[in-house]
Each structure stands twice: as structure tokens, then as C-alpha cells.
Protein backbone atom coordinates (compact mmCIF):
# COMPACT_ATOMS: atom_id res chain seq x y z
CA MET A 1 112.77 76.48 128.32
CA ASN A 2 113.31 77.93 131.55
CA SER A 3 110.46 78.67 134.08
CA GLY A 4 107.54 78.07 131.83
CA ARG A 5 108.33 80.56 129.20
CA ILE A 6 109.91 80.38 125.81
CA VAL A 7 113.30 80.93 125.44
CA TYR A 8 114.35 82.58 121.92
CA HIS A 9 116.66 81.10 119.89
CA ARG A 10 119.12 82.88 117.22
CA ASN A 11 118.00 80.83 114.32
CA SER A 12 120.94 80.09 111.73
CA ARG A 13 119.04 80.70 109.36
CA GLU A 14 118.10 84.38 110.33
CA GLN A 15 118.97 86.79 113.03
CA PRO A 16 116.48 88.51 114.50
CA ASN A 17 116.51 91.97 114.70
CA MET A 18 113.64 92.61 116.64
CA ASN A 19 113.78 93.74 120.17
CA TYR A 20 111.27 91.95 122.24
CA ASN A 21 110.01 93.43 125.15
CA LYS A 22 110.28 91.78 128.74
CA ARG A 23 106.96 92.11 129.53
CA LYS A 24 105.46 91.09 126.45
CA THR A 25 107.73 87.94 126.86
CA GLU A 26 106.50 87.08 130.52
CA THR A 27 103.25 86.92 129.19
CA ILE A 28 103.43 84.19 127.23
CA ASN A 29 103.88 80.44 129.21
CA VAL A 30 104.36 77.73 126.51
CA THR A 31 104.95 74.78 128.76
CA GLY A 32 104.30 71.10 128.88
CA THR A 33 103.40 69.22 126.22
CA PRO A 34 102.42 70.34 122.42
CA ALA A 35 98.95 69.67 123.05
CA GLU A 36 99.11 72.12 125.92
CA ASN A 37 100.88 74.50 123.73
CA GLN A 38 97.63 74.63 121.40
CA SER A 39 95.54 75.50 123.93
CA ASN A 40 97.63 78.19 125.09
CA TYR A 41 97.74 79.52 121.23
CA HIS A 42 93.93 79.35 121.35
CA ASP A 43 93.69 80.90 124.94
CA ASN A 44 96.56 83.94 123.99
CA LEU A 45 94.95 84.09 120.63
CA PRO A 46 92.40 86.89 120.80
CA ASP A 47 95.19 89.67 122.81
CA PRO A 48 95.69 91.89 119.42
CA GLU A 49 99.20 93.35 121.21
CA LEU A 50 100.56 90.31 121.62
CA LEU A 51 99.45 89.16 118.02
CA ASP A 52 100.67 92.80 116.70
CA HIS A 53 104.17 91.82 118.51
CA TYR A 54 105.02 88.85 116.30
CA ASP A 55 103.68 89.88 113.17
CA ASN A 56 106.64 90.61 111.60
CA PHE A 57 106.02 90.47 108.11
CA TYR A 58 103.42 93.44 108.95
CA HIS A 59 106.10 95.56 110.57
CA THR A 60 108.58 94.41 107.35
CA THR A 61 106.31 95.32 104.67
CA LYS A 62 104.10 98.34 105.95
CA SER A 63 105.88 100.67 103.90
CA LEU A 64 103.66 99.46 100.77
CA LEU A 65 100.69 99.35 102.26
CA VAL A 66 101.16 102.73 102.92
CA LEU A 67 102.18 103.48 99.34
CA PHE A 68 98.61 101.57 98.83
CA GLN A 69 96.87 103.53 100.74
CA ILE A 70 98.17 107.16 99.51
CA MET A 71 97.52 105.92 95.78
CA GLY A 72 94.24 105.34 96.97
CA ILE A 73 94.34 101.73 95.53
CA MET A 74 93.78 99.32 98.99
CA PRO A 75 92.77 101.50 102.14
CA ILE A 76 92.49 98.98 104.45
CA GLU A 77 93.32 100.43 108.02
CA ARG A 78 95.47 98.36 110.52
CA GLU A 79 94.22 98.12 114.09
CA PRO A 80 96.25 96.18 117.05
CA GLY A 81 96.91 92.84 115.71
CA LYS A 82 94.02 93.21 113.28
CA THR A 83 93.67 94.87 109.63
CA ILE A 84 90.03 95.89 108.96
CA TYR A 85 88.48 97.46 105.67
CA ARG A 86 85.54 100.29 106.11
CA TRP A 87 83.75 101.68 103.22
CA THR A 88 83.36 105.08 105.32
CA SER A 89 86.97 105.02 106.72
CA ALA A 90 89.35 108.14 106.53
CA THR A 91 91.64 105.79 104.75
CA ASN A 92 88.46 105.18 102.24
CA MET A 93 87.92 108.88 102.00
CA TRP A 94 91.13 110.05 100.86
CA ALA A 95 90.72 107.27 98.35
CA TYR A 96 87.50 108.62 96.78
CA PHE A 97 89.42 112.04 97.28
CA ILE A 98 92.28 110.91 94.72
CA PHE A 99 90.57 108.58 92.64
CA GLY A 100 88.10 111.43 91.63
CA VAL A 101 90.75 114.35 91.01
CA GLU A 102 92.90 111.37 88.88
CA THR A 103 89.59 110.32 87.24
CA ILE A 104 89.19 114.06 86.08
CA PHE A 105 92.59 114.06 84.50
CA VAL A 106 92.96 110.86 82.95
CA SER A 107 89.49 111.18 81.46
CA ILE A 108 91.02 114.16 79.62
CA VAL A 109 93.47 112.48 78.27
CA PHE A 110 91.45 109.61 77.32
CA ARG A 111 90.03 111.60 75.16
CA GLU A 112 92.45 113.30 73.83
CA ARG A 113 93.72 109.97 72.59
CA LEU A 114 90.72 108.33 71.56
CA LYS A 115 91.23 111.61 69.59
CA LEU A 116 94.06 110.70 67.80
CA VAL A 117 92.85 106.69 67.35
CA LEU A 118 89.22 108.59 65.26
CA LEU A 119 91.74 110.64 62.64
CA PRO A 120 90.73 110.38 59.51
CA GLY A 121 92.61 108.63 56.52
CA LYS A 122 95.03 106.56 58.90
CA ARG A 123 95.85 102.96 58.18
CA PHE A 124 94.84 100.03 59.64
CA ASP A 125 97.79 99.65 61.57
CA GLU A 126 97.90 102.72 63.33
CA TYR A 127 94.43 102.32 64.42
CA ILE A 128 95.56 99.57 66.19
CA TYR A 129 98.60 100.09 67.79
CA ALA A 130 97.01 103.35 68.84
CA ILE A 131 95.12 101.31 71.31
CA ILE A 132 97.71 100.79 73.59
CA PHE A 133 98.06 104.09 75.11
CA LEU A 134 94.09 103.65 75.48
CA SER A 135 94.10 100.04 77.10
CA ILE A 136 96.97 101.65 79.88
CA LEU A 137 94.51 103.89 81.03
CA ILE A 138 91.71 101.20 81.30
CA PRO A 139 92.66 100.66 85.06
CA HIS A 140 92.23 103.24 86.22
CA PHE A 141 88.78 103.20 86.04
CA LEU A 142 88.27 99.52 86.75
CA LEU A 143 90.36 100.43 90.33
CA PRO A 144 86.94 100.29 92.29
CA ILE A 145 85.62 97.38 91.13
CA GLY A 146 88.57 95.77 90.92
CA ALA A 147 90.43 96.93 94.49
CA TRP A 148 87.86 98.23 96.85
CA THR A 149 85.42 95.60 96.44
CA ASN A 150 87.40 93.03 97.82
CA GLY A 151 88.60 95.05 100.61
CA HIS A 152 87.80 92.79 103.57
CA GLU A 153 88.86 89.70 101.54
CA VAL A 154 92.06 91.47 101.59
CA ALA A 155 91.98 92.59 105.19
CA LYS A 156 91.26 88.78 106.00
CA PHE A 157 94.36 87.68 104.33
CA LYS A 158 96.58 90.20 106.67
CA ASN A 159 94.63 88.84 109.32
CA MET A 160 95.44 85.02 108.60
CA TRP A 161 98.87 86.37 108.13
CA THR A 162 98.77 87.77 111.67
CA LYS A 163 97.69 84.51 113.32
CA PHE A 164 99.75 82.31 111.29
CA GLN A 165 102.75 83.71 112.80
CA TYR A 166 102.07 83.76 116.58
CA LYS A 167 100.51 80.13 115.93
CA TYR A 168 104.62 79.32 113.81
CA PHE A 169 106.12 80.67 117.09
CA THR A 170 103.75 78.67 119.61
CA VAL A 171 104.21 75.76 117.44
CA THR A 172 108.19 76.01 116.80
CA ARG A 173 109.31 77.91 119.81
CA SER A 174 110.93 80.49 117.50
CA PRO A 175 109.66 83.65 116.05
CA ILE A 176 109.36 84.55 112.07
CA ILE A 177 111.42 87.21 111.46
CA PHE A 178 112.10 88.37 107.61
CA ASN A 179 115.37 90.07 107.43
CA ASN A 180 115.61 92.12 104.32
CA LEU A 181 112.62 92.04 103.50
CA THR A 182 112.14 95.91 105.06
CA LEU A 183 115.14 97.18 102.52
CA ILE A 184 113.17 94.57 99.55
CA THR A 185 109.98 96.72 100.21
CA TYR A 186 110.94 100.08 100.36
CA SER A 187 113.31 99.42 97.16
CA LEU A 188 110.47 98.22 95.76
CA CYS A 189 108.29 101.00 96.67
CA VAL A 190 110.90 103.53 94.54
CA ILE A 191 111.45 101.08 91.81
CA SER A 192 107.49 101.05 91.00
CA TRP A 193 107.43 105.21 90.67
CA LEU A 194 110.87 104.72 89.37
CA VAL A 195 110.36 102.75 86.43
CA GLY A 196 106.58 104.17 85.74
CA ILE A 197 108.10 107.35 84.76
CA LEU A 198 110.86 106.13 83.27
CA ILE A 199 109.14 103.94 80.28
CA MET A 200 106.59 106.78 80.03
CA LEU A 201 109.26 109.55 79.38
CA ALA A 202 110.58 107.17 77.14
CA GLN A 203 107.51 106.84 75.06
CA PHE A 204 106.67 110.33 74.72
CA TYR A 205 110.89 110.58 73.21
CA LEU A 206 109.85 107.65 70.88
CA GLN A 207 106.15 108.07 70.20
CA PRO A 208 105.87 110.85 67.54
CA ASP A 209 101.98 111.53 68.91
CA MET A 210 102.80 111.39 72.26
CA LEU A 211 102.84 114.54 74.75
CA LEU A 212 104.80 115.00 77.38
CA TRP A 213 101.75 115.82 79.49
CA HIS A 214 100.00 113.13 78.62
CA THR A 215 102.45 111.09 80.29
CA PHE A 216 101.42 112.58 83.36
CA ALA A 217 98.08 110.58 83.40
CA TYR A 218 100.01 107.31 83.02
CA TYR A 219 102.29 107.52 85.92
CA HIS A 220 100.08 106.48 88.62
CA ILE A 221 98.46 103.70 87.17
CA LEU A 222 102.11 102.03 85.96
CA ALA A 223 103.34 102.40 89.43
CA MET A 224 100.43 100.44 90.90
CA LEU A 225 100.95 97.95 88.16
CA ASN A 226 104.43 97.90 89.57
CA GLY A 227 103.25 97.70 93.14
CA LEU A 228 100.73 94.56 92.44
CA CYS A 229 103.66 93.02 91.27
CA SER A 230 106.05 94.23 94.08
CA LEU A 231 103.18 92.69 96.41
CA TRP A 232 102.86 89.61 94.98
CA PHE A 233 106.79 88.91 94.83
CA ILE A 234 107.02 90.14 98.40
CA ASN A 235 103.73 87.29 99.78
CA CYS A 236 105.41 84.57 97.85
CA THR A 237 109.10 85.53 99.04
CA ALA A 238 107.83 85.64 102.47
CA LYS A 239 105.44 82.66 101.79
CA GLY A 240 108.46 80.93 101.05
CA ARG A 241 110.63 81.76 103.68
CA ALA A 242 107.98 80.48 106.31
CA ALA A 243 107.72 77.10 104.20
CA GLY A 244 111.22 76.39 103.78
CA TRP A 245 111.53 76.95 107.52
CA LEU A 246 108.86 74.95 108.46
CA SER A 247 110.20 72.17 106.10
CA GLU A 248 113.98 72.18 108.18
CA ASN A 249 112.04 71.73 111.12
CA LEU A 250 110.29 68.69 110.27
CA HIS A 251 113.68 67.07 111.11
CA ASN A 252 113.42 68.36 114.92
CA ALA A 253 109.69 67.33 114.88
CA LEU A 254 110.73 63.72 113.66
CA GLN A 255 113.86 63.79 116.93
CA SER A 256 111.09 65.11 119.48
CA SER A 257 110.02 62.84 122.66
CA ASP A 258 106.47 62.37 121.35
CA PRO A 259 107.19 63.14 117.05
CA ALA A 260 103.18 61.74 116.01
CA SER A 261 102.08 64.95 117.82
CA ARG A 262 104.26 67.19 116.68
CA LEU A 263 103.90 66.51 112.87
CA GLY A 264 100.31 67.40 113.67
CA GLU A 265 100.96 70.29 114.82
CA TYR A 266 103.09 71.10 111.57
CA ARG A 267 100.70 69.80 109.56
CA ASP A 268 98.49 72.15 110.60
CA LEU A 269 100.76 75.06 110.24
CA TRP A 270 100.83 73.75 106.41
CA VAL A 271 97.38 73.62 105.65
CA ASP A 272 97.34 77.30 107.03
CA LEU A 273 99.90 78.50 104.72
CA SER A 274 98.34 76.70 101.81
CA HIS A 275 94.81 78.23 102.73
CA MET A 276 96.84 81.84 102.51
CA MET A 277 97.98 81.05 99.04
CA GLN A 278 94.31 80.61 98.03
CA GLN A 279 93.51 83.35 100.00
CA LEU A 280 95.87 85.96 98.43
CA GLY A 281 95.02 84.93 94.68
CA LYS A 282 91.39 85.09 96.16
CA ALA A 283 91.69 89.13 98.10
CA TYR A 284 93.76 90.54 94.59
CA SER A 285 91.39 88.47 91.93
CA GLY A 286 90.02 91.25 90.67
CA MET A 287 93.11 93.53 89.82
CA TYR A 288 95.26 90.54 88.59
CA ALA A 289 92.39 89.21 86.05
CA VAL A 290 92.81 93.09 84.90
CA TYR A 291 96.66 93.15 85.09
CA CYS A 292 96.90 89.61 82.95
CA ILE A 293 93.91 90.72 80.39
CA LEU A 294 95.80 94.35 80.32
CA ILE A 295 99.48 92.35 79.55
CA LEU A 296 97.71 89.97 76.98
CA LEU A 297 95.97 92.70 75.08
CA THR A 298 99.03 95.41 75.56
CA THR A 299 102.13 92.84 74.01
CA VAL A 300 99.87 91.27 71.05
CA VAL A 301 99.53 94.92 69.98
CA ALA A 302 102.75 96.21 70.39
CA ALA A 303 103.89 93.20 68.84
CA TYR A 304 101.67 93.61 65.63
CA GLY A 305 102.91 97.01 65.49
CA CYS A 306 106.49 96.40 65.59
CA LEU A 307 106.38 93.77 62.83
CA THR A 308 104.09 95.94 60.88
CA GLU A 309 106.23 99.38 61.28
CA ILE A 310 109.69 97.07 60.67
CA LEU A 311 108.36 95.65 57.45
CA ASP A 312 106.94 98.83 55.72
CA HIS A 313 109.51 101.55 57.30
CA GLY A 314 112.30 99.55 58.70
CA LEU A 315 113.72 100.14 62.02
CA SER A 316 112.80 103.49 63.65
CA THR A 317 112.58 104.88 67.07
CA LYS A 318 108.65 103.89 66.96
CA GLU A 319 109.14 100.37 66.92
CA ALA A 320 111.89 100.77 70.06
CA GLY A 321 108.75 102.31 71.89
CA LEU A 322 106.21 99.71 71.10
CA PHE A 323 109.39 96.72 71.78
CA LEU A 324 109.89 98.57 75.44
CA ILE A 325 106.25 98.45 76.31
CA ALA A 326 105.87 94.57 75.03
CA PHE A 327 109.03 93.82 77.01
CA TYR A 328 107.65 95.93 80.23
CA CYS A 329 104.36 93.68 79.93
CA MET A 330 106.32 90.47 79.53
CA THR A 331 108.85 91.32 82.71
CA LEU A 332 105.78 91.89 84.91
CA LEU A 333 104.08 88.65 83.77
CA TYR A 334 107.34 86.63 84.18
CA ILE A 335 107.75 87.61 87.44
CA ILE A 336 104.28 87.04 88.97
CA CYS A 337 104.03 83.26 87.04
CA ASN A 338 107.45 82.24 88.17
CA GLU A 339 106.86 83.27 91.84
CA ALA A 340 103.85 81.66 92.10
CA HIS A 341 105.72 77.87 90.61
CA GLN A 342 108.43 78.72 92.91
CA LEU A 343 106.02 78.96 95.96
CA THR A 344 104.19 76.07 94.68
CA HIS A 345 107.34 73.98 94.28
CA LYS A 346 108.54 74.36 97.93
CA MET A 347 105.09 73.95 99.32
CA GLY A 348 104.82 71.29 97.05
CA SER A 349 106.98 68.56 95.67
CA GLU A 350 110.07 69.68 98.63
CA PHE A 351 107.72 69.19 101.38
CA ARG A 352 106.01 66.09 99.66
CA GLU A 353 109.69 64.71 99.00
CA ARG A 354 111.17 65.56 102.97
CA LEU A 355 108.38 63.28 103.94
CA LEU A 356 108.66 60.75 101.36
CA ASN A 357 112.35 60.61 102.67
CA VAL A 358 111.67 59.58 106.48
CA ASN A 359 112.37 56.66 107.62
CA LEU A 360 109.30 54.57 108.39
CA GLY A 361 110.85 51.89 109.98
CA ALA A 362 112.41 54.02 112.66
CA VAL A 363 109.33 55.75 113.79
CA ASP A 364 106.36 53.96 115.78
CA GLN A 365 102.69 53.33 114.16
CA LYS A 366 101.28 56.76 115.44
CA THR A 367 104.23 58.63 113.59
CA ARG A 368 103.91 56.62 110.36
CA GLN A 369 99.66 57.52 110.62
CA GLU A 370 101.02 61.03 110.94
CA VAL A 371 103.34 61.16 107.68
CA ASN A 372 100.48 59.67 106.09
CA MET A 373 98.28 62.15 106.94
CA PHE A 374 100.41 64.53 106.30
CA LEU A 375 100.89 63.80 102.68
CA THR A 376 97.07 63.33 102.25
CA ALA A 377 96.77 66.72 102.97
CA ILE A 378 99.04 67.81 100.37
CA ASP A 379 97.08 65.75 98.27
CA LYS A 380 93.80 67.08 99.51
CA ASN A 381 94.91 71.18 100.20
CA PRO A 382 97.11 71.17 97.03
CA PRO A 383 99.16 74.43 97.04
CA VAL A 384 97.78 76.52 94.11
CA MET A 385 97.79 80.16 93.80
CA ASN A 386 94.12 80.35 91.84
CA LEU A 387 92.73 84.08 91.26
CA ASN A 388 89.41 83.08 92.63
CA GLY A 389 88.99 80.16 90.08
CA TYR A 390 89.83 82.51 86.50
CA ALA A 391 93.26 81.18 86.29
CA ASN A 392 95.75 79.58 88.35
CA VAL A 393 98.94 81.40 88.14
CA ASN A 394 102.44 79.23 87.35
CA ARG A 395 104.74 78.79 84.62
CA LYS A 396 102.08 77.19 82.47
CA LEU A 397 99.96 80.59 82.63
CA ILE A 398 103.11 82.03 80.57
CA THR A 399 103.20 79.02 77.72
CA SER A 400 99.55 79.36 77.86
CA ALA A 401 99.65 83.79 77.24
CA VAL A 402 102.80 83.65 74.45
CA THR A 403 99.96 80.85 72.39
CA SER A 404 97.56 82.96 73.11
CA MET A 405 99.59 86.12 72.19
CA ALA A 406 100.90 84.05 68.38
CA THR A 407 97.10 83.14 67.57
CA TYR A 408 95.67 86.24 68.04
CA LEU A 409 98.94 87.90 66.33
CA VAL A 410 98.58 85.85 63.08
CA MET A 411 95.01 86.64 63.38
CA LEU A 412 96.12 90.45 62.75
CA MET A 413 98.59 89.41 60.30
CA GLN A 414 96.01 87.51 57.75
CA PHE A 415 93.41 90.05 58.62
CA ARG A 416 96.13 92.81 57.78
CA LEU A 417 97.04 90.84 54.23
CA SER A 418 93.19 91.08 53.37
CA LEU A 419 93.04 94.16 53.74
CA MET A 420 96.22 94.95 51.29
CA ARG A 421 94.90 92.49 49.35
CA ASN A 422 91.22 94.05 48.72
CA ALA A 423 93.28 97.61 48.39
CA ALA A 424 95.35 96.14 45.52
CA ILE A 425 92.36 94.61 43.52
CA ALA A 426 90.80 98.20 44.08
CA THR A 427 93.55 99.95 42.66
CA ARG A 428 93.80 97.65 39.79
CA ARG A 429 90.08 98.59 39.03
CA ILE A 430 89.65 102.17 39.48
CA ILE A 431 93.58 101.88 37.00
CA SER A 432 91.78 99.61 34.39
CA GLN A 433 88.50 101.74 34.48
CA ASN A 434 90.66 104.73 33.69
CA VAL A 435 92.39 103.30 31.07
CA THR A 436 89.46 101.74 29.34
CA SER A 437 86.99 104.90 28.87
CA PRO A 438 89.13 106.74 26.65
CA SER A 439 88.76 104.25 24.03
CA GLU A 440 85.06 104.49 25.11
CA VAL A 441 84.97 107.96 24.27
CA SER A 442 86.53 107.58 20.90
CA SER A 443 84.31 105.28 19.55
């Protein structure tokens, strides 16, 4: 501390790469006790320029937000210090336009693919795995319901991030800096489109009924799915880093002159971070719910197609295409569930373990109470990724999804065997009728 101003310390965990403006620095006067710092936090909170200055998460992940605006996925807007969503904004008008143009082309391709499904004379197996390329088109039509209607919740989530970073600074006296997150975000934006294009080009070469012009209807849809996965990864990574830094600072709080007050402030930060986790699931619940259902349906059908084609015709390029789709879907599901699990572990088990390792005999009664209150806060506000009550996102979701897939796959195979058995019985009946008819004629 010097002259009533915060002195920035370069942390060993992250080297700040942000050039702090001297004028902005001097507007923050965090002096005296932690309680006074909290008062200053609330006094300075309405200053949008100050909030925007410390919103490093927005500045480092801006490229993904811009990509979502261009694609019309989530047309939120950024103002100094806050994120807003308006149905009549220019960004929304662009989203309506681009969605309308894409819908015309996607509808044409959907109709063409539906004609291929309804062609007479096809086997049951061919009807089943032809549904894959229809199901992948469905998320496009659900975009307004699944994404745009939650625009206000997304803006609320973004604003929670903005306020949390400034509050973290006032409490810990060090800004949140996400090094390398800018490069990761730019890379994921490119990878999202690149992977979508490569997968559909692979289907064009591996699937005999896939036309090249059909693939253009799938590029933006797969890029959207990949972008949502990237968004989940970035948010979980950023929250995990913030939780790790908060956990590391617990030791400094216990060594301070007023450890009880410092622990109370850290507890407030932890609760805010936990609420942000819940808000993330609520804000994007529509799209991620569609995400999980699409992955379940597509993987089951693709796995069924692989098995039946191998049983009937042996290995071929068609099975390779179906296997690629199944592997792609399961990879997306694993990334989402694993990142949520890692974040839950960092904010739950690791935090609880650090607090339980505190030597309560070496601290005063008030500090012991704060430690117990911190543990109670973790129990009462469990850090769980939840899709607005629909499902908890963790590694258990992978096992339950695989179990459901296996169940539906067995049911489809049993139904297939029943059809084959009925076809065999009908064939024998026709043969027996053809055999007995000449004798009846001669008699």
C-alpha cells in the first residue's frame, strides 16, 4: 500500500500482460480495513469504465462472443462495463436475417434428405441410420427457442463475471489476468469451423448418398455445436483458475492481521463463483439440453448402423463414416462432462480439503467460526453444473448416457432380429405354398 492506492503485484502464477492506465489506477482508493474495502467496492461498482477495465475475461474471450454474433447464435451486445440483450438491437436484426437465409437452404436440404429416407424398398437398417443426417439439422430450427429466449440470462451471467473480477481485485488486491486464454479462444474459433467442415467432407466421401451441396447445410450447425463446446471449456477453465487462485490466497488470509474478516470476504467470493456456475447452466440450458439429446440420438443410431452394416456386408467406407460421427459426438460429450467435473472438484473437494487442514488450535475463536461458516457455505451452495434443473453435468452423465445408449442399442437389435425372423417365416410360408399348389392342381 502506498498513498492510499493499491500497488499491483505481479503474481508468480500469471504475469499480467495488461497495461494499467495511471488515471484509472488512481480512481481506486482501497485503504484501511477489509470492511472499508468492501464499502469502497460497493461505492465504485456502478462505474462502468472501472468494471470494464478489470473485466479481463471479456477482453480475452471477445473473439468467441463476436463469432457467436456473426453466426447469429447469441446476439448479445457489450456496453462499457456490462452486457445487454435486446430483441430489437442491430445484433438481433442481423441474427434474424442470417437465420432466415440459413433456414431456407437448410429446409431444402432437409427435404432432400427426407426423400432419401422415404424411398420405397429400403431395409429397416437403412431407414434408421438415414435419420442421423436429419437429426443433425434439427438444432438449427431450435436455435431461436433454445438460445435467443435465454438471451437475458446469458447477459446476466456475463455481468456476474464482470462484477466478480472487480470484487476479486478489491478483496485480494491483485487483478485477475487470464494469460494464454486469448490464444486459446482464437484457436477454438478456427477449430470449431475447421472440424465441422472436415467431418462433413469426410461424410461426402464415405457415404454413398451424401451429395456435396448437401454438406453446406451442415457446416454452420457443426460449427455451432463445436462453438458451444468451446464456450463451455473456456468458462470452466476460467472459473477453475479463479477458484485455484482463491484457494491459494486462503493461506495469506490466515496470516493477515484480521483473518476472520478476510475469510468472510473470501467466502463471499466463493459463493459468487458458485452462483456463476449455476447461472452458466441456466443461461445455456436450452442449447446444451438439445446438445445432449442430439448426442444420445446420433450416437445410438450411428453405433447401430455400424454394427448392422458390419454384420451384413463386412467392413466398408460407410461404417467408417458412421463410426466417425459416433466418435465425434462422444468426444463432445466427454469434454463437456469432464470440464464440469474438474471445476466442481476444484471448487468443492479441494476447497474443503484446504479448510479442513487449517490448524484451528492456532487461530482465535472468531476465525474458527469463519472457517466453519465457510465449510457450511460449501455444503449449502454445492458447486454443481446444472442445466436449469434438467440434469447435472459431470462424469456421471457420461456413464448414464452410455448406459442409455447400450439399452436403446439392444432394443434396436432385438427389433431387427424380430423383423428378420418374421421375414424368414413369411418366406418359408410362400415357399411352402408354392410347393403344395402343383399337387393340389394335379389332384
